[in-house]
Amino acid sequence: MKAAPPVAVVRLAEQLGIDPGALRLYGKRAKTRTDHLRLVAQYLSWRLPTMMELKELDEFLLMPGSSWREVCAISALFLIVGHPYES
C-alpha cells in the first residue's frame, strides 16, 4: 500500500494481526482490490442504482441550487461502490 497513510496501515495491520510491511503486497494481483470491494459491498448489502435512480440522480445534480456537499457525497458513493456502467 503506497497511498494509505502510515498510521492507517499500522492500524489495519494490528486489526488483521499481521506485519504492516505485508500490506505492501496488497493489490499486486490486478483484481484483488476489485474482488475485495465487491465482497465488502455484498457484506454491507450495497447495490448498484437502478436506471430510474440514475435518472433521478442526474436530474438532482443538474438542478439549480444543488450544494457541493451533496454532489461530493454522491460522487464518493460512486467511488466506493463503483460506477454502474462499469463491468
Protein backbone atom coordinates (compact mmCIF):
# COMPACT_ATOMS: atom_id res chain seq x y z
CA MET A 1 0.00 0.00 0.00
CA LYS A 2 1.58 3.21 -1.15
CA ALA A 3 -1.31 5.67 -0.95
CA ALA A 4 -2.51 4.89 2.59
CA PRO A 5 -1.22 6.97 5.50
CA PRO A 6 1.29 5.01 7.59
CA VAL A 7 -0.88 5.29 10.71
CA ALA A 8 -3.79 3.68 8.82
CA VAL A 9 -1.56 0.87 7.58
CA VAL A 10 -0.33 0.17 11.11
CA ARG A 11 -3.88 0.21 12.50
CA LEU A 12 -5.15 -2.16 9.80
CA ALA A 13 -2.18 -4.50 10.31
CA GLU A 14 -2.91 -4.58 14.05
CA GLN A 15 -6.54 -5.48 13.39
CA LEU A 16 -5.51 -8.23 10.97
CA GLY A 17 -2.72 -9.47 13.23
CA ILE A 18 -0.05 -9.12 10.54
CA ASP A 19 3.16 -7.17 9.99
CA PRO A 20 2.46 -3.76 8.40
CA GLY A 21 5.09 -4.49 5.75
CA ALA A 22 2.98 -7.38 4.46
CA LEU A 23 0.38 -4.87 3.24
CA ARG A 24 2.82 -3.57 0.62
CA LEU A 25 1.98 -6.64 -1.42
CA TYR A 26 -1.76 -5.98 -1.28
CA GLY A 27 -3.22 -5.39 -4.69
CA LYS A 28 -0.33 -6.84 -6.72
CA ARG A 29 -2.82 -9.15 -8.44
CA ALA A 30 -4.82 -6.95 -10.78
CA LYS A 31 -8.28 -7.85 -9.47
CA THR A 32 -7.56 -8.19 -5.75
CA ARG A 33 -8.92 -4.77 -4.79
CA THR A 34 -11.94 -5.16 -7.06
CA ASP A 35 -12.72 -8.59 -5.63
CA HIS A 36 -12.41 -7.31 -2.07
CA LEU A 37 -14.53 -4.23 -2.80
CA ARG A 38 -17.26 -6.49 -4.15
CA LEU A 39 -17.11 -8.66 -1.03
CA VAL A 40 -17.42 -5.59 1.20
CA ALA A 41 -20.30 -4.24 -0.88
CA GLN A 42 -22.04 -7.61 -0.66
CA TYR A 43 -21.48 -7.80 3.11
CA LEU A 44 -22.92 -4.29 3.56
CA SER A 45 -25.84 -5.09 1.22
CA TRP A 46 -24.84 -2.31 -1.18
CA ARG A 47 -26.30 -2.44 -4.65
CA LEU A 48 -25.95 -0.58 -7.89
CA PRO A 49 -28.58 2.05 -8.57
CA THR A 50 -31.41 1.30 -10.94
CA MET A 51 -31.74 3.21 -14.21
CA MET A 52 -34.57 5.24 -12.66
CA GLU A 53 -32.36 6.14 -9.68
CA LEU A 54 -29.58 7.21 -12.05
CA LYS A 55 -32.03 9.40 -13.97
CA GLU A 56 -33.18 10.99 -10.69
CA LEU A 57 -29.55 11.50 -9.68
CA ASP A 58 -28.76 13.20 -12.99
CA GLU A 59 -31.76 15.49 -12.56
CA PHE A 60 -30.72 16.29 -8.99
CA LEU A 61 -27.14 17.08 -9.89
CA LEU A 62 -28.23 19.38 -12.70
CA MET A 63 -30.84 21.09 -10.54
CA PRO A 64 -30.06 24.74 -9.71
CA GLY A 65 -29.06 25.09 -6.07
CA SER A 66 -27.57 21.62 -5.59
CA SER A 67 -24.94 22.02 -2.92
CA TRP A 68 -21.36 20.88 -3.43
CA ARG A 69 -21.59 18.87 -0.21
CA GLU A 70 -24.39 16.77 -1.69
CA VAL A 71 -22.58 16.42 -5.01
CA CYS A 72 -19.39 15.31 -3.25
CA ALA A 73 -21.26 12.79 -1.10
CA ILE A 74 -22.85 11.21 -4.14
CA SER A 75 -19.54 11.22 -6.01
CA ALA A 76 -17.88 9.48 -3.07
CA LEU A 77 -20.57 6.81 -3.20
CA PHE A 78 -19.69 6.08 -6.82
CA LEU A 79 -16.02 5.84 -5.86
CA ILE A 80 -16.82 3.40 -3.06
CA VAL A 81 -19.46 1.28 -4.77
CA GLY A 82 -18.32 1.74 -8.34
CA HIS A 83 -19.94 3.34 -11.32
CA PRO A 84 -22.98 1.37 -12.50
CA TYR A 85 -21.82 1.39 -16.12
CA GLU A 86 -18.57 -0.41 -15.29
CA SER A 87 -18.44 -4.17 -15.57
